[in-house]
Amino acid sequence: MARHFIFADEAGDFEFRRARNVSRYFILCTVHMDACGVGGTLLDLRRELAWAGLPVGDYFHATTDRQAVRDRVFAAIDGVPFTVQATIMEKSKAQPQVRKSSERFYQYGWFYHLKHAGPRFIDPTAELLVTAATLGTKKERVLFLGAVDDVARQTLRSGTWRTTFCPAAADPCIQIADYCAWAIQRKWERGDDRSYRLIAGKITHERDLFARGRIHYY
């Protein structure tokens, strides 16, 4: 049986208020691929950039990487076969019961992400490994993983699947999800689509979940 892979990361925060440095949107982003060879490509790229004297961190992270590094990462993943899916949630439109806790809001996003995006890229005959970037405290990570597991049970039609969390530093393919989430966030938060255009051809789903909402709760 074929095995497919989903790597997930998010952009934005769980602050539900209007303030400086608080995101307007929470974006859940997944990348889907049939093989993970690109992970080795990114490891090789990091070594190459380090040899060239460019400022690379422990791993690729779009928010903190210099533009010269971002350009090389986007170029490296350009020809790699994977698809991108994004669910955008304008936080101020989320009803109070949806955002009563971070894990509840996170689970809500995952449910509708897999419900609407899943049929576009998930092969129900394949084994599926879903790997999401870790976030929050140790206690919160247990709740977040439970939330993803619960959503997977409700929505996935794949016969065999597993969900797991790990740090982005541990898996270069999560770093791809980070870069894609960052590019999509720049477009939605700032109207800057420079990096978004580099991945636009790979995006198979990009949905504003609360697009029809008219009420802002804060």
C-alpha atoms as a PDB file:
ATOM      1  CA  MET A   1       0.000   0.000   0.000  1.00  0.00           C
ATOM      2  CA  ALA A   2       1.277   3.463  -0.897  1.00  0.00           C
ATOM      3  CA  ARG A   3       2.100   5.843   1.923  1.00  0.00           C
ATOM      4  CA  HIS A   4       1.475   9.574   1.653  1.00  0.00           C
ATOM      5  CA  PHE A   5       2.588  12.351   3.954  1.00  0.00           C
ATOM      6  CA  ILE A   6       1.005  15.540   5.276  1.00  0.00           C
ATOM      7  CA  PHE A   7       3.127  18.120   7.071  1.00  0.00           C
ATOM      8  CA  ALA A   8       1.369  20.946   8.869  1.00  0.00           C
ATOM      9  CA  ASP A   9       2.269  24.278  10.396  1.00  0.00           C
ATOM     10  CA  GLU A  10       0.357  27.375  11.350  1.00  0.00           C
ATOM     11  CA  ALA A  11       0.807  31.119  11.075  1.00  0.00           C
ATOM     12  CA  GLY A  12      -0.683  33.591  13.503  1.00  0.00           C
ATOM     13  CA  ASP A  13      -1.379  33.377  17.204  1.00  0.00           C
ATOM     14  CA  PHE A  14      -4.122  32.527  19.677  1.00  0.00           C
ATOM     15  CA  GLU A  15      -4.585  36.082  20.944  1.00  0.00           C
ATOM     16  CA  PHE A  16      -8.187  37.215  20.467  1.00  0.00           C
ATOM     17  CA  ARG A  17      -7.881  40.972  20.747  1.00  0.00           C
ATOM     18  CA  ARG A  18      -6.818  43.921  18.657  1.00  0.00           C
ATOM     19  CA  ALA A  19      -3.327  45.013  19.526  1.00  0.00           C
ATOM     20  CA  ARG A  20       0.021  45.679  17.984  1.00  0.00           C
ATOM     21  CA  ASN A  21       1.863  42.494  17.002  1.00  0.00           C
ATOM     22  CA  VAL A  22      -1.302  40.410  17.360  1.00  0.00           C
ATOM     23  CA  SER A  23      -2.264  38.643  14.146  1.00  0.00           C
ATOM     24  CA  ARG A  24      -5.542  39.314  12.380  1.00  0.00           C
ATOM     25  CA  TYR A  25      -5.661  35.790  10.971  1.00  0.00           C
ATOM     26  CA  PHE A  26      -4.852  32.298  12.114  1.00  0.00           C
ATOM     27  CA  ILE A  27      -3.764  30.182   9.156  1.00  0.00           C
ATOM     28  CA  LEU A  28      -3.530  26.415   9.125  1.00  0.00           C
ATOM     29  CA  CYS A  29      -1.315  25.192   6.301  1.00  0.00           C
ATOM     30  CA  THR A  30      -0.565  21.677   5.109  1.00  0.00           C
ATOM     31  CA  VAL A  31       1.733  20.339   2.442  1.00  0.00           C
ATOM     32  CA  HIS A  32       1.006  16.951   0.912  1.00  0.00           C
ATOM     33  CA  MET A  33       3.634  14.799  -0.738  1.00  0.00           C
ATOM     34  CA  ASP A  34       4.084  11.221  -1.868  1.00  0.00           C
ATOM     35  CA  ALA A  35       7.772  11.072  -0.882  1.00  0.00           C
ATOM     36  CA  CYS A  36       9.997  13.019   1.490  1.00  0.00           C
ATOM     37  CA  GLY A  37      13.250  13.207  -0.442  1.00  0.00           C
ATOM     38  CA  VAL A  38      13.097  16.996  -0.401  1.00  0.00           C
ATOM     39  CA  GLY A  39      14.055  16.800   3.269  1.00  0.00           C
ATOM     40  CA  GLY A  40      17.544  15.721   2.250  1.00  0.00           C
ATOM     41  CA  THR A  41      17.651  18.515  -0.304  1.00  0.00           C
ATOM     42  CA  LEU A  42      17.019  21.102   2.418  1.00  0.00           C
ATOM     43  CA  LEU A  43      19.663  19.600   4.687  1.00  0.00           C
ATOM     44  CA  ASP A  44      22.166  19.800   1.835  1.00  0.00           C
ATOM     45  CA  LEU A  45      21.117  23.393   1.173  1.00  0.00           C
ATOM     46  CA  ARG A  46      21.674  24.383   4.788  1.00  0.00           C
ATOM     47  CA  ARG A  47      25.198  22.953   4.678  1.00  0.00           C
ATOM     48  CA  GLU A  48      25.854  24.773   1.403  1.00  0.00           C
ATOM     49  CA  LEU A  49      24.634  28.088   2.821  1.00  0.00           C
ATOM     50  CA  ALA A  50      26.665  27.621   5.981  1.00  0.00           C
ATOM     51  CA  TRP A  51      29.782  26.986   3.854  1.00  0.00           C
ATOM     52  CA  ALA A  52      29.031  30.156   1.889  1.00  0.00           C
ATOM     53  CA  GLY A  53      28.914  32.121   5.123  1.00  0.00           C
ATOM     54  CA  LEU A  54      25.241  32.994   4.965  1.00  0.00           C
ATOM     55  CA  PRO A  55      23.438  33.448   8.298  1.00  0.00           C
ATOM     56  CA  VAL A  56      21.562  30.181   8.730  1.00  0.00           C
ATOM     57  CA  GLY A  57      20.001  29.122  12.011  1.00  0.00           C
ATOM     58  CA  ASP A  58      19.577  25.645  13.431  1.00  0.00           C
ATOM     59  CA  TYR A  59      16.914  25.033  10.779  1.00  0.00           C
ATOM     60  CA  PHE A  60      15.008  26.983   8.147  1.00  0.00           C
ATOM     61  CA  HIS A  61      12.359  29.253   9.642  1.00  0.00           C
ATOM     62  CA  ALA A  62      10.824  31.806   7.306  1.00  0.00           C
ATOM     63  CA  THR A  63      10.021  34.423   9.949  1.00  0.00           C
ATOM     64  CA  THR A  64      13.615  34.754  11.133  1.00  0.00           C
ATOM     65  CA  ASP A  65      15.591  33.755   8.030  1.00  0.00           C
ATOM     66  CA  ARG A  66      17.267  36.505   6.027  1.00  0.00           C
ATOM     67  CA  GLN A  67      15.808  37.225   2.594  1.00  0.00           C
ATOM     68  CA  ALA A  68      18.855  35.765   0.852  1.00  0.00           C
ATOM     69  CA  VAL A  69      18.221  32.490   2.676  1.00  0.00           C
ATOM     70  CA  ARG A  70      14.494  32.563   1.930  1.00  0.00           C
ATOM     71  CA  ASP A  71      15.218  33.031  -1.764  1.00  0.00           C
ATOM     72  CA  ARG A  72      17.380  29.914  -1.806  1.00  0.00           C
ATOM     73  CA  VAL A  73      14.820  27.839   0.097  1.00  0.00           C
ATOM     74  CA  PHE A  74      11.975  28.831  -2.211  1.00  0.00           C
ATOM     75  CA  ALA A  75      14.191  28.059  -5.217  1.00  0.00           C
ATOM     76  CA  ALA A  76      15.076  24.644  -3.773  1.00  0.00           C
ATOM     77  CA  ILE A  77      11.462  23.597  -3.288  1.00  0.00           C
ATOM     78  CA  ASP A  78      10.166  25.089  -6.527  1.00  0.00           C
ATOM     79  CA  GLY A  79      10.557  21.960  -8.621  1.00  0.00           C
ATOM     80  CA  VAL A  80       9.556  19.516  -5.891  1.00  0.00           C
ATOM     81  CA  PRO A  81       6.196  17.766  -6.365  1.00  0.00           C
ATOM     82  CA  PHE A  82       3.950  18.655  -3.448  1.00  0.00           C
ATOM     83  CA  THR A  83       0.685  20.510  -2.979  1.00  0.00           C
ATOM     84  CA  VAL A  84      -0.343  23.164  -0.472  1.00  0.00           C
ATOM     85  CA  GLN A  85      -3.635  23.651   1.352  1.00  0.00           C
ATOM     86  CA  ALA A  86      -4.558  26.563   3.602  1.00  0.00           C
ATOM     87  CA  THR A  87      -7.513  27.425   5.812  1.00  0.00           C
ATOM     88  CA  ILE A  88      -7.628  31.079   6.816  1.00  0.00           C
ATOM     89  CA  MET A  89      -9.530  32.129   9.933  1.00  0.00           C
ATOM     90  CA  GLU A  90     -10.137  35.813  10.639  1.00  0.00           C
ATOM     91  CA  LYS A  91     -10.023  35.581  14.398  1.00  0.00           C
ATOM     92  CA  SER A  92     -12.335  38.463  15.219  1.00  0.00           C
ATOM     93  CA  LYS A  93     -15.156  36.690  13.354  1.00  0.00           C
ATOM     94  CA  ALA A  94     -14.865  33.524  15.423  1.00  0.00           C
ATOM     95  CA  GLN A  95     -17.826  33.098  17.746  1.00  0.00           C
ATOM     96  CA  PRO A  96     -16.964  33.029  21.464  1.00  0.00           C
ATOM     97  CA  GLN A  97     -17.650  29.304  21.824  1.00  0.00           C
ATOM     98  CA  VAL A  98     -15.217  28.577  18.982  1.00  0.00           C
ATOM     99  CA  ARG A  99     -12.364  30.458  20.673  1.00  0.00           C
ATOM    100  CA  LYS A 100     -13.038  29.561  24.305  1.00  0.00           C
ATOM    101  CA  SER A 101      -9.613  27.890  24.355  1.00  0.00           C
ATOM    102  CA  SER A 102      -6.615  27.620  22.044  1.00  0.00           C
ATOM    103  CA  GLU A 103      -7.094  23.896  21.548  1.00  0.00           C
ATOM    104  CA  ARG A 104     -10.802  24.343  20.738  1.00  0.00           C
ATOM    105  CA  PHE A 105      -9.999  26.964  18.103  1.00  0.00           C
ATOM    106  CA  TYR A 106      -7.174  24.817  16.729  1.00  0.00           C
ATOM    107  CA  GLN A 107      -9.441  21.766  16.517  1.00  0.00           C
ATOM    108  CA  TYR A 108     -12.142  23.812  14.782  1.00  0.00           C
ATOM    109  CA  GLY A 109      -9.652  24.892  12.125  1.00  0.00           C
ATOM    110  CA  TRP A 110      -8.384  21.361  11.588  1.00  0.00           C
ATOM    111  CA  PHE A 111     -11.901  19.959  11.288  1.00  0.00           C
ATOM    112  CA  TYR A 112     -12.914  22.282   8.477  1.00  0.00           C
ATOM    113  CA  HIS A 113      -9.491  22.075   6.884  1.00  0.00           C
ATOM    114  CA  LEU A 114      -9.686  18.315   6.494  1.00  0.00           C
ATOM    115  CA  LYS A 115     -13.391  18.380   5.691  1.00  0.00           C
ATOM    116  CA  HIS A 116     -13.049  20.819   2.796  1.00  0.00           C
ATOM    117  CA  ALA A 117      -9.449  20.388   1.665  1.00  0.00           C
ATOM    118  CA  GLY A 118      -9.029  16.689   2.397  1.00  0.00           C
ATOM    119  CA  PRO A 119     -11.062  15.319  -0.521  1.00  0.00           C
ATOM    120  CA  ARG A 120      -8.864  17.308  -2.912  1.00  0.00           C
ATOM    121  CA  PHE A 121      -5.631  15.527  -2.036  1.00  0.00           C
ATOM    122  CA  ILE A 122      -6.104  12.579   0.332  1.00  0.00           C
ATOM    123  CA  ASP A 123      -6.103   9.179  -1.331  1.00  0.00           C
ATOM    124  CA  PRO A 124      -8.415   6.935   0.715  1.00  0.00           C
ATOM    125  CA  THR A 125      -6.556   3.833  -0.465  1.00  0.00           C
ATOM    126  CA  ALA A 126      -3.170   5.008   0.839  1.00  0.00           C
ATOM    127  CA  GLU A 127      -1.591   4.958   4.269  1.00  0.00           C
ATOM    128  CA  LEU A 128      -1.349   8.499   5.613  1.00  0.00           C
ATOM    129  CA  LEU A 129       1.086  10.003   8.113  1.00  0.00           C
ATOM    130  CA  VAL A 130       0.085  13.452   9.392  1.00  0.00           C
ATOM    131  CA  THR A 131       2.936  15.351  11.070  1.00  0.00           C
ATOM    132  CA  ALA A 132       2.213  18.729  12.637  1.00  0.00           C
ATOM    133  CA  ALA A 133       4.697  21.192  14.069  1.00  0.00           C
ATOM    134  CA  THR A 134       4.734  21.274  17.855  1.00  0.00           C
ATOM    135  CA  LEU A 135       3.345  24.361  19.532  1.00  0.00           C
ATOM    136  CA  GLY A 136       2.474  25.536  23.008  1.00  0.00           C
ATOM    137  CA  THR A 137       3.463  24.055  26.352  1.00  0.00           C
ATOM    138  CA  LYS A 138       3.898  20.338  27.006  1.00  0.00           C
ATOM    139  CA  LYS A 139       0.376  20.163  28.427  1.00  0.00           C
ATOM    140  CA  GLU A 140      -1.054  22.091  25.470  1.00  0.00           C
ATOM    141  CA  ARG A 141       0.745  19.818  22.998  1.00  0.00           C
ATOM    142  CA  VAL A 142      -1.071  16.809  24.440  1.00  0.00           C
ATOM    143  CA  LEU A 143      -4.387  18.637  23.957  1.00  0.00           C
ATOM    144  CA  PHE A 144      -3.481  19.764  20.428  1.00  0.00           C
ATOM    145  CA  LEU A 145      -2.482  16.243  19.404  1.00  0.00           C
ATOM    146  CA  GLY A 146      -5.724  14.924  20.864  1.00  0.00           C
ATOM    147  CA  ALA A 147      -7.626  17.532  18.878  1.00  0.00           C
ATOM    148  CA  VAL A 148      -5.980  16.498  15.602  1.00  0.00           C
ATOM    149  CA  ASP A 149      -6.575  12.812  16.368  1.00  0.00           C
ATOM    150  CA  ASP A 150     -10.242  13.491  17.059  1.00  0.00           C
ATOM    151  CA  VAL A 151     -10.673  15.427  13.821  1.00  0.00           C
ATOM    152  CA  ALA A 152      -8.858  12.733  11.843  1.00  0.00           C
ATOM    153  CA  ARG A 153     -11.230  10.095  13.176  1.00  0.00           C
ATOM    154  CA  GLN A 154     -14.183  12.190  12.065  1.00  0.00           C
ATOM    155  CA  THR A 155     -12.986  13.240   8.633  1.00  0.00           C
ATOM    156  CA  LEU A 156     -10.331  10.968   7.165  1.00  0.00           C
ATOM    157  CA  ARG A 157     -11.533   8.276   4.837  1.00  0.00           C
ATOM    158  CA  SER A 158      -8.086   6.756   4.575  1.00  0.00           C
ATOM    159  CA  GLY A 159      -8.038   3.177   5.820  1.00  0.00           C
ATOM    160  CA  THR A 160      -4.805   3.595   7.798  1.00  0.00           C
ATOM    161  CA  TRP A 161      -3.479   6.841   9.243  1.00  0.00           C
ATOM    162  CA  ARG A 162      -1.323   8.153  12.071  1.00  0.00           C
ATOM    163  CA  THR A 163      -0.888  11.620  13.542  1.00  0.00           C
ATOM    164  CA  THR A 164       2.189  12.960  15.288  1.00  0.00           C
ATOM    165  CA  PHE A 165       3.775  16.211  16.441  1.00  0.00           C
ATOM    166  CA  CYS A 166       7.452  17.079  16.240  1.00  0.00           C
ATOM    167  CA  PRO A 167       9.602  20.233  16.255  1.00  0.00           C
ATOM    168  CA  ALA A 168      10.266  21.844  12.894  1.00  0.00           C
ATOM    169  CA  ALA A 169      13.981  21.395  13.549  1.00  0.00           C
ATOM    170  CA  ALA A 170      13.467  17.626  13.573  1.00  0.00           C
ATOM    171  CA  ASP A 171      11.912  17.304  10.121  1.00  0.00           C
ATOM    172  CA  PRO A 172      12.846  19.492   7.127  1.00  0.00           C
ATOM    173  CA  CYS A 173       9.464  18.789   5.523  1.00  0.00           C
ATOM    174  CA  ILE A 174       7.764  20.711   8.335  1.00  0.00           C
ATOM    175  CA  GLN A 175      10.046  23.594   7.396  1.00  0.00           C
ATOM    176  CA  ILE A 176       8.423  23.552   3.959  1.00  0.00           C
ATOM    177  CA  ALA A 177       5.016  23.879   5.619  1.00  0.00           C
ATOM    178  CA  ASP A 178       6.427  26.759   7.673  1.00  0.00           C
ATOM    179  CA  TYR A 179       7.623  28.560   4.547  1.00  0.00           C
ATOM    180  CA  CYS A 180       4.296  28.069   2.778  1.00  0.00           C
ATOM    181  CA  ALA A 181       2.315  29.221   5.814  1.00  0.00           C
ATOM    182  CA  TRP A 182       4.540  32.294   6.092  1.00  0.00           C
ATOM    183  CA  ALA A 183       4.093  33.174   2.408  1.00  0.00           C
ATOM    184  CA  ILE A 184       0.315  32.853   2.664  1.00  0.00           C
ATOM    185  CA  GLN A 185       0.245  34.863   5.874  1.00  0.00           C
ATOM    186  CA  ARG A 186       2.224  37.706   4.267  1.00  0.00           C
ATOM    187  CA  LYS A 187      -0.391  37.903   1.547  1.00  0.00           C
ATOM    188  CA  TRP A 188      -3.362  37.965   3.941  1.00  0.00           C
ATOM    189  CA  GLU A 189      -1.921  40.086   6.740  1.00  0.00           C
ATOM    190  CA  ARG A 190       0.117  42.587   4.738  1.00  0.00           C
ATOM    191  CA  GLY A 191      -0.983  42.325   1.132  1.00  0.00           C
ATOM    192  CA  ASP A 192       2.571  41.259   0.242  1.00  0.00           C
ATOM    193  CA  ASP A 193       2.374  38.462  -2.317  1.00  0.00           C
ATOM    194  CA  ARG A 194       6.011  38.316  -3.407  1.00  0.00           C
ATOM    195  CA  SER A 195       6.666  34.941  -1.757  1.00  0.00           C
ATOM    196  CA  TYR A 196       3.098  33.770  -2.264  1.00  0.00           C
ATOM    197  CA  ARG A 197       3.562  33.937  -6.024  1.00  0.00           C
ATOM    198  CA  LEU A 198       6.453  31.482  -5.721  1.00  0.00           C
ATOM    199  CA  ILE A 199       4.174  28.767  -4.352  1.00  0.00           C
ATOM    200  CA  ALA A 200       0.866  29.782  -5.942  1.00  0.00           C
ATOM    201  CA  GLY A 201       1.066  27.020  -8.548  1.00  0.00           C
ATOM    202  CA  LYS A 202       1.195  24.396  -5.796  1.00  0.00           C
ATOM    203  CA  ILE A 203      -1.830  25.670  -3.845  1.00  0.00           C
ATOM    204  CA  THR A 204      -4.853  23.419  -4.330  1.00  0.00           C
ATOM    205  CA  HIS A 205      -6.995  24.839  -1.532  1.00  0.00           C
ATOM    206  CA  GLU A 206      -7.077  28.306   0.027  1.00  0.00           C
ATOM    207  CA  ARG A 207     -10.260  29.060   1.894  1.00  0.00           C
ATOM    208  CA  ASP A 208     -11.305  31.986   4.064  1.00  0.00           C
ATOM    209  CA  LEU A 209     -13.378  29.997   6.539  1.00  0.00           C
ATOM    210  CA  PHE A 210     -15.290  32.998   7.869  1.00  0.00           C
ATOM    211  CA  ALA A 211     -15.644  34.833   4.552  1.00  0.00           C
ATOM    212  CA  ARG A 212     -19.424  35.046   4.907  1.00  0.00           C
ATOM    213  CA  GLY A 213     -19.251  36.338   8.452  1.00  0.00           C
ATOM    214  CA  ARG A 214     -20.262  39.930   9.024  1.00  0.00           C
ATOM    215  CA  ILE A 215     -19.968  40.161  12.820  1.00  0.00           C
ATOM    216  CA  HIS A 216     -16.683  40.992  14.493  1.00  0.00           C
ATOM    217  CA  TYR A 217     -16.722  39.913  18.153  1.00  0.00           C
ATOM    218  CA  TYR A 218     -13.881  42.202  19.231  1.00  0.00           C
END
